Amino acid sequence: MYRSTLTAAKWSFRRSFATAIKPNIKLLAKLRQETEVSMAKAKEALVKNDNDYDLALNWLNQDALTSGAKKAAKVADRVAGEGLVSTASVNARSTIVELNCETDFVSRNSVFKNLASRIAATSLLIHEPVLNGSAIEEIPVSVLMKAPLMPHSDHTEGSTEDLGKTVEDVIVKTIGILGENITLRRAAVVNHGVSASYIHGGDGSTGKIGGLAVLEVDGDISQGNMEALTKSARQVARQAVGFNPKYAREQDVPAEDLEQQTDRSSYLKEVVLSNQAYLMNPEQCVSDYITQVAKDAGFEGARLLDFVRWEAGENIEKRVDNFTDDVMKAARGE
């Protein structure tokens, strides 16, 4: 009796082992490429959902939200001193955001890059221009965090796992995926004028340094060559990123700063963007370059209104890496 019971148990175990679902290799590769989760997590998702790709993807997203919330609570006090600056532009309106993480390694991850780009696009679309306001206005981070996150620009049909989720929701989810503290530090948008952006040290939409430049145009803006003027604004943003000026125009320089200078002319050429030698033609200052482009494009004139230049992690005290501590924390699942 005992032997027959034992034999039956063995056959039952063998049958269950033989019929256990194995993850589809092609779906496994696709799932990892799209989500960048670990091999073990991707296998678990497919096995639990009978190799149904859409169900597996949904399971991973729900799992990431749950684990992300737990992880976010654990890592909230960690310094996020690395990250990316991202910009977006539509119809001569531009925006810029800074998204931070703990390490440069994570900042180069495609999931993190895509998140930064989507937040930039979101910040542009949720903001209503204020014509009488400043040329560039900061967007409260608290407001942006509650906004529905825009989808990827290359989102394929059916890939709607983040549909309806807020910026905050997807940041938490990404913390669960990448395992680091991720914070949205700041955001700014152009209210009026002709603007463009420039990114350095990245892929064109995200990078380590980013800038915006805003031009004010004389005359009917609909009658001139806007494309040429927008390209000019991009060149000025590039100048700002490369030469790191402090002020847009001479009138923006505080009087006390000028009083401390022995050579005011040289100082103004160094710290005022409009006065700097134009990078593509040092014989010409940036202000003269803008004026020339505007006239050639059919406008009565143009001038620099304002600019911003942000560097990811600037003025944040960077963490001191301790490889041994990091390995021990990873081993403990922290």
C-alpha atoms as a PDB file:
ATOM      1  CA  MET A   1       0.000   0.000   0.000  1.00  0.00           C
ATOM      2  CA  TYR A   2       2.771   2.412   0.957  1.00  0.00           C
ATOM      3  CA  ARG A   3       4.779   1.527  -2.182  1.00  0.00           C
ATOM      4  CA  SER A   4       1.809   2.075  -4.516  1.00  0.00           C
ATOM      5  CA  THR A   5       1.033   5.414  -2.885  1.00  0.00           C
ATOM      6  CA  LEU A   6       4.656   6.476  -3.247  1.00  0.00           C
ATOM      7  CA  THR A   7       4.699   5.385  -6.912  1.00  0.00           C
ATOM      8  CA  ALA A   8       1.543   7.354  -7.636  1.00  0.00           C
ATOM      9  CA  ALA A   9       3.044  10.436  -6.000  1.00  0.00           C
ATOM     10  CA  LYS A  10       6.190  10.105  -8.122  1.00  0.00           C
ATOM     11  CA  TRP A  11       4.160   9.862 -11.351  1.00  0.00           C
ATOM     12  CA  SER A  12       2.069  12.841 -10.297  1.00  0.00           C
ATOM     13  CA  PHE A  13       5.225  14.890  -9.687  1.00  0.00           C
ATOM     14  CA  ARG A  14       6.684  13.844 -13.050  1.00  0.00           C
ATOM     15  CA  ARG A  15       3.466  14.743 -14.900  1.00  0.00           C
ATOM     16  CA  SER A  16       3.297  18.152 -13.223  1.00  0.00           C
ATOM     17  CA  PHE A  17       6.972  18.785 -14.000  1.00  0.00           C
ATOM     18  CA  ALA A  18       6.551  17.658 -17.605  1.00  0.00           C
ATOM     19  CA  THR A  19       3.526  19.889 -18.190  1.00  0.00           C
ATOM     20  CA  ALA A  20       5.026  22.957 -16.450  1.00  0.00           C
ATOM     21  CA  ILE A  21       4.824  26.029 -18.696  1.00  0.00           C
ATOM     22  CA  LYS A  22       8.107  27.128 -20.207  1.00  0.00           C
ATOM     23  CA  PRO A  23       8.558  30.735 -21.283  1.00  0.00           C
ATOM     24  CA  ASN A  24       8.512  31.369 -25.014  1.00  0.00           C
ATOM     25  CA  ILE A  25      12.064  32.412 -25.974  1.00  0.00           C
ATOM     26  CA  LYS A  26      11.008  35.020 -28.529  1.00  0.00           C
ATOM     27  CA  LEU A  27       8.451  36.554 -26.167  1.00  0.00           C
ATOM     28  CA  LEU A  28      11.036  36.502 -23.395  1.00  0.00           C
ATOM     29  CA  ALA A  29      13.501  38.483 -25.498  1.00  0.00           C
ATOM     30  CA  LYS A  30      10.800  40.948 -26.585  1.00  0.00           C
ATOM     31  CA  LEU A  31       9.580  41.425 -23.018  1.00  0.00           C
ATOM     32  CA  ARG A  32      13.072  42.110 -21.715  1.00  0.00           C
ATOM     33  CA  GLN A  33      13.808  44.539 -24.536  1.00  0.00           C
ATOM     34  CA  GLU A  34      10.612  46.511 -23.935  1.00  0.00           C
ATOM     35  CA  THR A  35      10.694  46.572 -20.129  1.00  0.00           C
ATOM     36  CA  GLU A  36      14.390  45.967 -19.253  1.00  0.00           C
ATOM     37  CA  VAL A  37      13.380  43.784 -16.307  1.00  0.00           C
ATOM     38  CA  SER A  38      15.592  40.936 -15.151  1.00  0.00           C
ATOM     39  CA  MET A  39      15.536  37.567 -16.916  1.00  0.00           C
ATOM     40  CA  ALA A  40      13.978  35.929 -13.849  1.00  0.00           C
ATOM     41  CA  LYS A  41      11.175  38.512 -13.636  1.00  0.00           C
ATOM     42  CA  ALA A  42      10.414  38.244 -17.364  1.00  0.00           C
ATOM     43  CA  LYS A  43      10.241  34.437 -17.115  1.00  0.00           C
ATOM     44  CA  GLU A  44       7.934  34.697 -14.094  1.00  0.00           C
ATOM     45  CA  ALA A  45       5.596  37.034 -15.974  1.00  0.00           C
ATOM     46  CA  LEU A  46       5.301  34.732 -18.985  1.00  0.00           C
ATOM     47  CA  VAL A  47       4.918  31.532 -16.957  1.00  0.00           C
ATOM     48  CA  LYS A  48       2.221  33.036 -14.723  1.00  0.00           C
ATOM     49  CA  ASN A  49       0.295  34.221 -17.778  1.00  0.00           C
ATOM     50  CA  ASP A  50       0.628  31.156 -20.039  1.00  0.00           C
ATOM     51  CA  ASN A  51       2.923  32.996 -22.474  1.00  0.00           C
ATOM     52  CA  ASP A  52       0.265  35.600 -23.208  1.00  0.00           C
ATOM     53  CA  TYR A  53       2.450  38.614 -23.987  1.00  0.00           C
ATOM     54  CA  ASP A  54      -0.103  41.340 -23.244  1.00  0.00           C
ATOM     55  CA  LEU A  55      -1.096  39.726 -19.946  1.00  0.00           C
ATOM     56  CA  ALA A  56       2.552  39.273 -19.013  1.00  0.00           C
ATOM     57  CA  LEU A  57       3.289  42.909 -19.814  1.00  0.00           C
ATOM     58  CA  ASN A  58       0.326  44.040 -17.715  1.00  0.00           C
ATOM     59  CA  TRP A  59       1.453  41.781 -14.851  1.00  0.00           C
ATOM     60  CA  LEU A  60       4.936  43.300 -14.958  1.00  0.00           C
ATOM     61  CA  ASN A  61       3.528  46.821 -14.886  1.00  0.00           C
ATOM     62  CA  GLN A  62       1.340  46.062 -11.881  1.00  0.00           C
ATOM     63  CA  ASP A  63       4.232  44.317 -10.171  1.00  0.00           C
ATOM     64  CA  ALA A  64       6.492  47.315 -10.865  1.00  0.00           C
ATOM     65  CA  LEU A  65       3.967  49.714  -9.347  1.00  0.00           C
ATOM     66  CA  THR A  66       3.687  47.599  -6.202  1.00  0.00           C
ATOM     67  CA  SER A  67       7.402  46.993  -5.822  1.00  0.00           C
ATOM     68  CA  GLY A  68       8.137  50.572  -6.883  1.00  0.00           C
ATOM     69  CA  ALA A  69       6.067  52.013  -4.045  1.00  0.00           C
ATOM     70  CA  LYS A  70       7.921  49.828  -1.543  1.00  0.00           C
ATOM     71  CA  LYS A  71      11.279  50.632  -3.099  1.00  0.00           C
ATOM     72  CA  ALA A  72      10.512  54.367  -3.244  1.00  0.00           C
ATOM     73  CA  ALA A  73       9.890  54.384   0.506  1.00  0.00           C
ATOM     74  CA  LYS A  74      13.229  52.658   1.101  1.00  0.00           C
ATOM     75  CA  VAL A  75      15.326  54.915  -1.131  1.00  0.00           C
ATOM     76  CA  ALA A  76      13.587  58.246  -0.526  1.00  0.00           C
ATOM     77  CA  ASP A  77      16.441  59.575   1.610  1.00  0.00           C
ATOM     78  CA  ARG A  78      19.148  58.694  -0.921  1.00  0.00           C
ATOM     79  CA  VAL A  79      20.765  61.560  -2.820  1.00  0.00           C
ATOM     80  CA  ALA A  80      19.719  61.683  -6.475  1.00  0.00           C
ATOM     81  CA  GLY A  81      22.644  63.717  -7.769  1.00  0.00           C
ATOM     82  CA  GLU A  82      22.873  62.338 -11.312  1.00  0.00           C
ATOM     83  CA  GLY A  83      20.323  62.388 -14.084  1.00  0.00           C
ATOM     84  CA  LEU A  84      19.325  64.064 -17.321  1.00  0.00           C
ATOM     85  CA  VAL A  85      18.001  67.305 -18.703  1.00  0.00           C
ATOM     86  CA  SER A  86      15.310  66.932 -21.357  1.00  0.00           C
ATOM     87  CA  THR A  87      13.673  69.447 -23.677  1.00  0.00           C
ATOM     88  CA  ALA A  88      10.684  69.532 -26.004  1.00  0.00           C
ATOM     89  CA  SER A  89       9.551  72.075 -28.602  1.00  0.00           C
ATOM     90  CA  VAL A  90       6.332  72.556 -30.595  1.00  0.00           C
ATOM     91  CA  ASN A  91       5.540  75.567 -32.813  1.00  0.00           C
ATOM     92  CA  ALA A  92       8.368  77.733 -31.422  1.00  0.00           C
ATOM     93  CA  ARG A  93       7.353  76.974 -27.815  1.00  0.00           C
ATOM     94  CA  SER A  94       9.805  75.028 -25.704  1.00  0.00           C
ATOM     95  CA  THR A  95      10.143  73.421 -22.319  1.00  0.00           C
ATOM     96  CA  ILE A  96      12.929  71.967 -20.200  1.00  0.00           C
ATOM     97  CA  VAL A  97      12.922  69.532 -17.262  1.00  0.00           C
ATOM     98  CA  GLU A  98      15.508  67.888 -15.025  1.00  0.00           C
ATOM     99  CA  LEU A  99      15.005  64.303 -13.859  1.00  0.00           C
ATOM    100  CA  ASN A 100      17.464  62.928 -11.308  1.00  0.00           C
ATOM    101  CA  CYS A 101      18.650  59.495 -10.244  1.00  0.00           C
ATOM    102  CA  GLU A 102      21.444  58.198  -8.042  1.00  0.00           C
ATOM    103  CA  THR A 103      24.018  57.003 -10.584  1.00  0.00           C
ATOM    104  CA  ASP A 104      25.249  57.893 -14.045  1.00  0.00           C
ATOM    105  CA  PHE A 105      24.711  54.242 -14.995  1.00  0.00           C
ATOM    106  CA  VAL A 106      20.946  54.534 -14.518  1.00  0.00           C
ATOM    107  CA  SER A 107      20.842  57.924 -16.264  1.00  0.00           C
ATOM    108  CA  ARG A 108      22.069  56.144 -19.416  1.00  0.00           C
ATOM    109  CA  ASN A 109      19.306  53.518 -19.227  1.00  0.00           C
ATOM    110  CA  SER A 110      16.737  53.767 -22.038  1.00  0.00           C
ATOM    111  CA  VAL A 111      13.814  53.473 -19.594  1.00  0.00           C
ATOM    112  CA  PHE A 112      15.095  56.502 -17.671  1.00  0.00           C
ATOM    113  CA  LYS A 113      15.780  58.455 -20.867  1.00  0.00           C
ATOM    114  CA  ASN A 114      12.295  57.777 -22.205  1.00  0.00           C
ATOM    115  CA  LEU A 115      10.741  58.846 -18.923  1.00  0.00           C
ATOM    116  CA  ALA A 116      12.614  62.163 -18.994  1.00  0.00           C
ATOM    117  CA  SER A 117      11.507  62.810 -22.588  1.00  0.00           C
ATOM    118  CA  ARG A 118       7.885  62.026 -21.798  1.00  0.00           C
ATOM    119  CA  ILE A 119       7.896  64.348 -18.791  1.00  0.00           C
ATOM    120  CA  ALA A 120       9.281  67.147 -20.976  1.00  0.00           C
ATOM    121  CA  ALA A 121       6.508  66.624 -23.532  1.00  0.00           C
ATOM    122  CA  THR A 122       3.930  66.529 -20.752  1.00  0.00           C
ATOM    123  CA  SER A 123       5.169  69.792 -19.235  1.00  0.00           C
ATOM    124  CA  LEU A 124       4.803  71.529 -22.596  1.00  0.00           C
ATOM    125  CA  LEU A 125       1.243  70.393 -23.197  1.00  0.00           C
ATOM    126  CA  ILE A 126      -0.215  71.009 -19.736  1.00  0.00           C
ATOM    127  CA  HIS A 127       0.902  74.632 -19.561  1.00  0.00           C
ATOM    128  CA  GLU A 128      -1.218  77.489 -20.897  1.00  0.00           C
ATOM    129  CA  PRO A 129       0.920  80.393 -22.164  1.00  0.00           C
ATOM    130  CA  VAL A 130       0.698  83.644 -20.189  1.00  0.00           C
ATOM    131  CA  LEU A 131       1.316  86.476 -22.673  1.00  0.00           C
ATOM    132  CA  ASN A 132       1.889  89.116 -20.002  1.00  0.00           C
ATOM    133  CA  GLY A 133       4.073  86.890 -17.872  1.00  0.00           C
ATOM    134  CA  SER A 134       7.817  86.344 -17.950  1.00  0.00           C
ATOM    135  CA  ALA A 135       9.303  84.860 -21.115  1.00  0.00           C
ATOM    136  CA  ILE A 136      10.282  81.677 -19.264  1.00  0.00           C
ATOM    137  CA  GLU A 137       8.203  80.469 -16.336  1.00  0.00           C
ATOM    138  CA  GLU A 138       8.887  77.712 -13.842  1.00  0.00           C
ATOM    139  CA  ILE A 139       6.280  74.951 -13.640  1.00  0.00           C
ATOM    140  CA  PRO A 140       5.570  73.804 -10.071  1.00  0.00           C
ATOM    141  CA  VAL A 141       6.873  70.268  -9.720  1.00  0.00           C
ATOM    142  CA  SER A 142       3.851  69.354  -7.586  1.00  0.00           C
ATOM    143  CA  VAL A 143       1.536  70.263 -10.485  1.00  0.00           C
ATOM    144  CA  LEU A 144       3.564  68.381 -13.075  1.00  0.00           C
ATOM    145  CA  MET A 145       3.741  65.275 -10.878  1.00  0.00           C
ATOM    146  CA  LYS A 146      -0.068  65.026 -10.879  1.00  0.00           C
ATOM    147  CA  ALA A 147      -0.410  65.451 -14.660  1.00  0.00           C
ATOM    148  CA  PRO A 148      -1.206  62.449 -16.906  1.00  0.00           C
ATOM    149  CA  LEU A 149       2.071  61.376 -18.490  1.00  0.00           C
ATOM    150  CA  MET A 150       2.312  61.652 -22.262  1.00  0.00           C
ATOM    151  CA  PRO A 151       3.017  58.384 -24.141  1.00  0.00           C
ATOM    152  CA  HIS A 152       6.258  57.688 -25.960  1.00  0.00           C
ATOM    153  CA  SER A 153       6.503  59.496 -29.284  1.00  0.00           C
ATOM    154  CA  ASP A 154       7.128  56.094 -30.936  1.00  0.00           C
ATOM    155  CA  HIS A 155       4.414  54.291 -28.967  1.00  0.00           C
ATOM    156  CA  THR A 156       3.090  51.378 -30.982  1.00  0.00           C
ATOM    157  CA  GLU A 157      -0.579  50.527 -31.170  1.00  0.00           C
ATOM    158  CA  GLY A 158      -1.710  48.533 -28.174  1.00  0.00           C
ATOM    159  CA  SER A 159       1.175  49.644 -25.960  1.00  0.00           C
ATOM    160  CA  THR A 160      -0.988  51.570 -23.525  1.00  0.00           C
ATOM    161  CA  GLU A 161       0.237  50.207 -20.200  1.00  0.00           C
ATOM    162  CA  ASP A 162       0.801  53.731 -18.811  1.00  0.00           C
ATOM    163  CA  LEU A 163      -2.419  55.200 -20.208  1.00  0.00           C
ATOM    164  CA  GLY A 164      -4.042  57.412 -17.568  1.00  0.00           C
ATOM    165  CA  LYS A 165      -1.119  57.156 -15.163  1.00  0.00           C
ATOM    166  CA  THR A 166       0.356  60.355 -13.767  1.00  0.00           C
ATOM    167  CA  VAL A 167       3.973  61.446 -13.904  1.00  0.00           C
ATOM    168  CA  GLU A 168       4.256  60.465 -10.250  1.00  0.00           C
ATOM    169  CA  ASP A 169       2.802  56.993 -10.909  1.00  0.00           C
ATOM    170  CA  VAL A 170       5.329  56.233 -13.631  1.00  0.00           C
ATOM    171  CA  ILE A 171       8.255  57.614 -11.633  1.00  0.00           C
ATOM    172  CA  VAL A 172       7.321  55.236  -8.800  1.00  0.00           C
ATOM    173  CA  LYS A 173       6.987  52.387 -11.286  1.00  0.00           C
ATOM    174  CA  THR A 174      10.414  53.191 -12.733  1.00  0.00           C
ATOM    175  CA  ILE A 175      11.952  53.175  -9.259  1.00  0.00           C
ATOM    176  CA  GLY A 176      10.671  49.615  -8.971  1.00  0.00           C
ATOM    177  CA  ILE A 177      12.257  48.684 -12.302  1.00  0.00           C
ATOM    178  CA  LEU A 178      15.622  50.418 -11.926  1.00  0.00           C
ATOM    179  CA  GLY A 179      16.022  50.219  -8.145  1.00  0.00           C
ATOM    180  CA  GLU A 180      17.200  53.795  -7.544  1.00  0.00           C
ATOM    181  CA  ASN A 181      15.703  56.941  -6.109  1.00  0.00           C
ATOM    182  CA  ILE A 182      14.293  59.048  -8.958  1.00  0.00           C
ATOM    183  CA  THR A 183      13.143  62.631  -8.465  1.00  0.00           C
ATOM    184  CA  LEU A 184      11.751  65.342 -10.702  1.00  0.00           C
ATOM    185  CA  ARG A 185      13.760  68.387  -9.679  1.00  0.00           C
ATOM    186  CA  ARG A 186      12.510  71.270 -11.827  1.00  0.00           C
ATOM    187  CA  ALA A 187      10.680  72.278 -14.982  1.00  0.00           C
ATOM    188  CA  ALA A 188      10.301  75.490 -16.970  1.00  0.00           C
ATOM    189  CA  VAL A 189       8.330  76.513 -20.057  1.00  0.00           C
ATOM    190  CA  VAL A 190       8.341  79.391 -22.547  1.00  0.00           C
ATOM    191  CA  ASN A 191       5.332  81.710 -22.262  1.00  0.00           C
ATOM    192  CA  HIS A 192       5.802  83.869 -25.319  1.00  0.00           C
ATOM    193  CA  GLY A 193       8.303  84.689 -28.038  1.00  0.00           C
ATOM    194  CA  VAL A 194      10.135  82.449 -30.481  1.00  0.00           C
ATOM    195  CA  SER A 195      12.103  79.739 -28.721  1.00  0.00           C
ATOM    196  CA  ALA A 196      14.168  76.644 -29.311  1.00  0.00           C
ATOM    197  CA  SER A 197      16.246  74.252 -27.237  1.00  0.00           C
ATOM    198  CA  TYR A 198      19.605  72.549 -27.381  1.00  0.00           C
ATOM    199  CA  ILE A 199      20.885  69.431 -25.593  1.00  0.00           C
ATOM    200  CA  HIS A 200      24.540  68.498 -25.078  1.00  0.00           C
ATOM    201  CA  GLY A 201      25.979  65.146 -24.086  1.00  0.00           C
ATOM    202  CA  GLY A 202      23.043  62.965 -25.063  1.00  0.00           C
ATOM    203  CA  ASP A 203      20.718  61.870 -27.836  1.00  0.00           C
ATOM    204  CA  GLY A 204      19.208  65.196 -28.853  1.00  0.00           C
ATOM    205  CA  SER A 205      16.195  65.082 -26.557  1.00  0.00           C
ATOM    206  CA  THR A 206      17.992  64.150 -23.331  1.00  0.00           C
ATOM    207  CA  GLY A 207      21.500  64.940 -22.131  1.00  0.00           C
ATOM    208  CA  LYS A 208      23.667  66.188 -19.302  1.00  0.00           C
ATOM    209  CA  ILE A 209      23.294  69.890 -20.171  1.00  0.00           C
ATOM    210  CA  GLY A 210      20.336  71.623 -21.781  1.00  0.00           C
ATOM    211  CA  GLY A 211      19.309  75.129 -22.655  1.00  0.00           C
ATOM    212  CA  LEU A 212      16.452  77.256 -23.995  1.00  0.00           C
ATOM    213  CA  ALA A 213      16.655  80.610 -25.753  1.00  0.00           C
ATOM    214  CA  VAL A 214      13.725  82.964 -26.353  1.00  0.00           C
ATOM    215  CA  LEU A 215      13.713  85.713 -28.991  1.00  0.00           C
ATOM    216  CA  GLU A 216      11.414  88.717 -29.231  1.00  0.00           C
ATOM    217  CA  VAL A 217      10.434  89.653 -32.784  1.00  0.00           C
ATOM    218  CA  ASP A 218       9.488  93.026 -34.258  1.00  0.00           C
ATOM    219  CA  GLY A 219       6.730  93.097 -36.851  1.00  0.00           C
ATOM    220  CA  ASP A 220       4.135  90.553 -37.964  1.00  0.00           C
ATOM    221  CA  ILE A 221       5.432  87.177 -36.858  1.00  0.00           C
ATOM    222  CA  SER A 222       3.236  85.356 -39.378  1.00  0.00           C
ATOM    223  CA  GLN A 223       4.818  87.115 -42.370  1.00  0.00           C
ATOM    224  CA  GLY A 224       8.470  86.143 -41.913  1.00  0.00           C
ATOM    225  CA  ASN A 225      10.493  82.980 -42.165  1.00  0.00           C
ATOM    226  CA  MET A 226       9.809  81.380 -38.789  1.00  0.00           C
ATOM    227  CA  GLU A 227      11.965  78.366 -39.546  1.00  0.00           C
ATOM    228  CA  ALA A 228      15.055  80.554 -39.900  1.00  0.00           C
ATOM    229  CA  LEU A 229      14.269  82.386 -36.682  1.00  0.00           C
ATOM    230  CA  THR A 230      13.696  79.142 -34.786  1.00  0.00           C
ATOM    231  CA  LYS A 231      17.049  77.845 -36.024  1.00  0.00           C
ATOM    232  CA  SER A 232      18.596  81.084 -34.775  1.00  0.00           C
ATOM    233  CA  ALA A 233      17.049  80.537 -31.336  1.00  0.00           C
ATOM    234  CA  ARG A 234      18.498  77.017 -31.300  1.00  0.00           C
ATOM    235  CA  GLN A 235      21.950  78.375 -32.102  1.00  0.00           C
ATOM    236  CA  VAL A 236      21.643  80.871 -29.254  1.00  0.00           C
ATOM    237  CA  ALA A 237      20.565  78.060 -26.899  1.00  0.00           C
ATOM    238  CA  ARG A 238      23.627  76.123 -28.069  1.00  0.00           C
ATOM    239  CA  GLN A 239      25.790  79.145 -27.315  1.00  0.00           C
ATOM    240  CA  ALA A 240      24.334  79.348 -23.810  1.00  0.00           C
ATOM    241  CA  VAL A 241      25.050  75.673 -23.176  1.00  0.00           C
ATOM    242  CA  GLY A 242      28.610  75.942 -24.441  1.00  0.00           C
ATOM    243  CA  PHE A 243      29.678  79.287 -22.945  1.00  0.00           C
ATOM    244  CA  ASN A 244      27.630  79.329 -19.719  1.00  0.00           C
ATOM    245  CA  PRO A 245      26.647  83.037 -19.535  1.00  0.00           C
ATOM    246  CA  LYS A 246      25.006  84.469 -16.426  1.00  0.00           C
ATOM    247  CA  TYR A 247      22.659  87.030 -17.965  1.00  0.00           C
ATOM    248  CA  ALA A 248      20.669  87.429 -21.173  1.00  0.00           C
ATOM    249  CA  ARG A 249      21.073  91.210 -21.669  1.00  0.00           C
ATOM    250  CA  GLU A 250      23.120  94.037 -20.206  1.00  0.00           C
ATOM    251  CA  GLN A 251      20.113  95.446 -18.356  1.00  0.00           C
ATOM    252  CA  ASP A 252      19.823  92.150 -16.478  1.00  0.00           C
ATOM    253  CA  VAL A 253      23.232  92.567 -14.823  1.00  0.00           C
ATOM    254  CA  PRO A 254      22.915  93.792 -11.202  1.00  0.00           C
ATOM    255  CA  ALA A 255      24.481  97.212 -10.636  1.00  0.00           C
ATOM    256  CA  GLU A 256      26.514  95.904  -7.693  1.00  0.00           C
ATOM    257  CA  ASP A 257      28.137  93.310  -9.970  1.00  0.00           C
ATOM    258  CA  LEU A 258      29.242  95.986 -12.423  1.00  0.00           C
ATOM    259  CA  GLU A 259      30.617  98.194  -9.643  1.00  0.00           C
ATOM    260  CA  GLN A 260      33.020  95.442  -8.642  1.00  0.00           C
ATOM    261  CA  GLN A 261      34.543  95.108 -12.121  1.00  0.00           C
ATOM    262  CA  THR A 262      37.719  96.922 -13.176  1.00  0.00           C
ATOM    263  CA  ASP A 263      37.086  96.129 -16.855  1.00  0.00           C
ATOM    264  CA  ARG A 264      33.329  96.342 -17.337  1.00  0.00           C
ATOM    265  CA  SER A 265      33.462  95.916 -21.111  1.00  0.00           C
ATOM    266  CA  SER A 266      35.324  92.593 -20.908  1.00  0.00           C
ATOM    267  CA  TYR A 267      33.084  91.436 -18.071  1.00  0.00           C
ATOM    268  CA  LEU A 268      29.909  92.152 -20.046  1.00  0.00           C
ATOM    269  CA  LYS A 269      31.263  90.288 -23.073  1.00  0.00           C
ATOM    270  CA  GLU A 270      31.926  87.277 -20.866  1.00  0.00           C
ATOM    271  CA  VAL A 271      28.773  87.008 -18.737  1.00  0.00           C
ATOM    272  CA  VAL A 272      26.057  88.514 -20.977  1.00  0.00           C
ATOM    273  CA  LEU A 273      24.804  86.128 -23.660  1.00  0.00           C
ATOM    274  CA  SER A 274      23.779  88.927 -26.063  1.00  0.00           C
ATOM    275  CA  ASN A 275      27.294  90.408 -25.850  1.00  0.00           C
ATOM    276  CA  GLN A 276      29.267  87.201 -26.277  1.00  0.00           C
ATOM    277  CA  ALA A 277      31.165  86.546 -29.496  1.00  0.00           C
ATOM    278  CA  TYR A 278      28.946  84.289 -31.596  1.00  0.00           C
ATOM    279  CA  LEU A 279      30.420  80.780 -31.659  1.00  0.00           C
ATOM    280  CA  MET A 280      30.035  80.340 -35.435  1.00  0.00           C
ATOM    281  CA  ASN A 281      31.414  83.806 -36.256  1.00  0.00           C
ATOM    282  CA  PRO A 282      33.501  85.347 -33.442  1.00  0.00           C
ATOM    283  CA  GLU A 283      33.653  88.632 -35.373  1.00  0.00           C
ATOM    284  CA  GLN A 284      29.969  89.041 -34.614  1.00  0.00           C
ATOM    285  CA  CYS A 285      28.281  89.206 -31.196  1.00  0.00           C
ATOM    286  CA  VAL A 286      25.191  87.116 -30.483  1.00  0.00           C
ATOM    287  CA  SER A 287      22.926  90.179 -30.547  1.00  0.00           C
ATOM    288  CA  ASP A 288      24.138  91.170 -34.028  1.00  0.00           C
ATOM    289  CA  TYR A 289      23.714  87.582 -35.221  1.00  0.00           C
ATOM    290  CA  ILE A 290      20.061  87.542 -34.088  1.00  0.00           C
ATOM    291  CA  THR A 291      19.376  90.896 -35.744  1.00  0.00           C
ATOM    292  CA  GLN A 292      20.922  89.776 -39.025  1.00  0.00           C
ATOM    293  CA  VAL A 293      18.974  86.497 -39.130  1.00  0.00           C
ATOM    294  CA  ALA A 294      15.716  88.314 -38.388  1.00  0.00           C
ATOM    295  CA  LYS A 295      16.221  90.800 -41.217  1.00  0.00           C
ATOM    296  CA  ASP A 296      17.206  88.068 -43.660  1.00  0.00           C
ATOM    297  CA  ALA A 297      14.076  86.152 -42.651  1.00  0.00           C
ATOM    298  CA  GLY A 298      11.791  89.101 -43.403  1.00  0.00           C
ATOM    299  CA  PHE A 299      11.284  90.502 -39.909  1.00  0.00           C
ATOM    300  CA  GLU A 300      11.854  94.091 -38.872  1.00  0.00           C
ATOM    301  CA  GLY A 301      14.180  92.918 -36.138  1.00  0.00           C
ATOM    302  CA  ALA A 302      14.625  90.569 -33.182  1.00  0.00           C
ATOM    303  CA  ARG A 303      16.491  90.378 -29.904  1.00  0.00           C
ATOM    304  CA  LEU A 304      17.183  87.942 -27.093  1.00  0.00           C
ATOM    305  CA  LEU A 305      14.551  87.980 -24.365  1.00  0.00           C
ATOM    306  CA  ASP A 306      15.759  85.287 -21.994  1.00  0.00           C
ATOM    307  CA  PHE A 307      17.493  81.921 -21.704  1.00  0.00           C
ATOM    308  CA  VAL A 308      18.047  79.075 -19.273  1.00  0.00           C
ATOM    309  CA  ARG A 309      20.965  76.692 -18.975  1.00  0.00           C
ATOM    310  CA  TRP A 310      20.610  73.641 -16.751  1.00  0.00           C
ATOM    311  CA  GLU A 311      23.161  70.985 -15.944  1.00  0.00           C
ATOM    312  CA  ALA A 312      21.933  67.706 -14.492  1.00  0.00           C
ATOM    313  CA  GLY A 313      22.799  67.450 -10.815  1.00  0.00           C
ATOM    314  CA  GLU A 314      24.334  70.917 -10.544  1.00  0.00           C
ATOM    315  CA  ASN A 315      24.542  72.208  -6.961  1.00  0.00           C
ATOM    316  CA  ILE A 316      23.512  68.815  -5.595  1.00  0.00           C
ATOM    317  CA  GLU A 317      25.986  67.198  -3.242  1.00  0.00           C
ATOM    318  CA  LYS A 318      26.966  63.982  -4.982  1.00  0.00           C
ATOM    319  CA  ARG A 319      26.966  60.719  -3.114  1.00  0.00           C
ATOM    320  CA  VAL A 320      30.300  59.048  -2.356  1.00  0.00           C
ATOM    321  CA  ASP A 321      30.198  55.588  -3.916  1.00  0.00           C
ATOM    322  CA  ASN A 322      31.191  52.664  -1.730  1.00  0.00           C
ATOM    323  CA  PHE A 323      31.275  49.559  -3.893  1.00  0.00           C
ATOM    324  CA  THR A 324      31.353  47.114  -0.964  1.00  0.00           C
ATOM    325  CA  ASP A 325      28.348  48.747   0.731  1.00  0.00           C
ATOM    326  CA  ASP A 326      26.429  48.745  -2.563  1.00  0.00           C
ATOM    327  CA  VAL A 327      27.089  45.038  -3.086  1.00  0.00           C
ATOM    328  CA  MET A 328      25.991  44.218   0.482  1.00  0.00           C
ATOM    329  CA  LYS A 329      22.817  46.284   0.106  1.00  0.00           C
ATOM    330  CA  ALA A 330      21.991  44.545  -3.172  1.00  0.00           C
ATOM    331  CA  ALA A 331      22.540  41.148  -1.539  1.00  0.00           C
ATOM    332  CA  ARG A 332      20.132  42.096   1.241  1.00  0.00           C
ATOM    333  CA  GLY A 333      17.567  43.336  -1.295  1.00  0.00           C
ATOM    334  CA  GLU A 334      17.769  46.928  -0.066  1.00  0.00           C
END
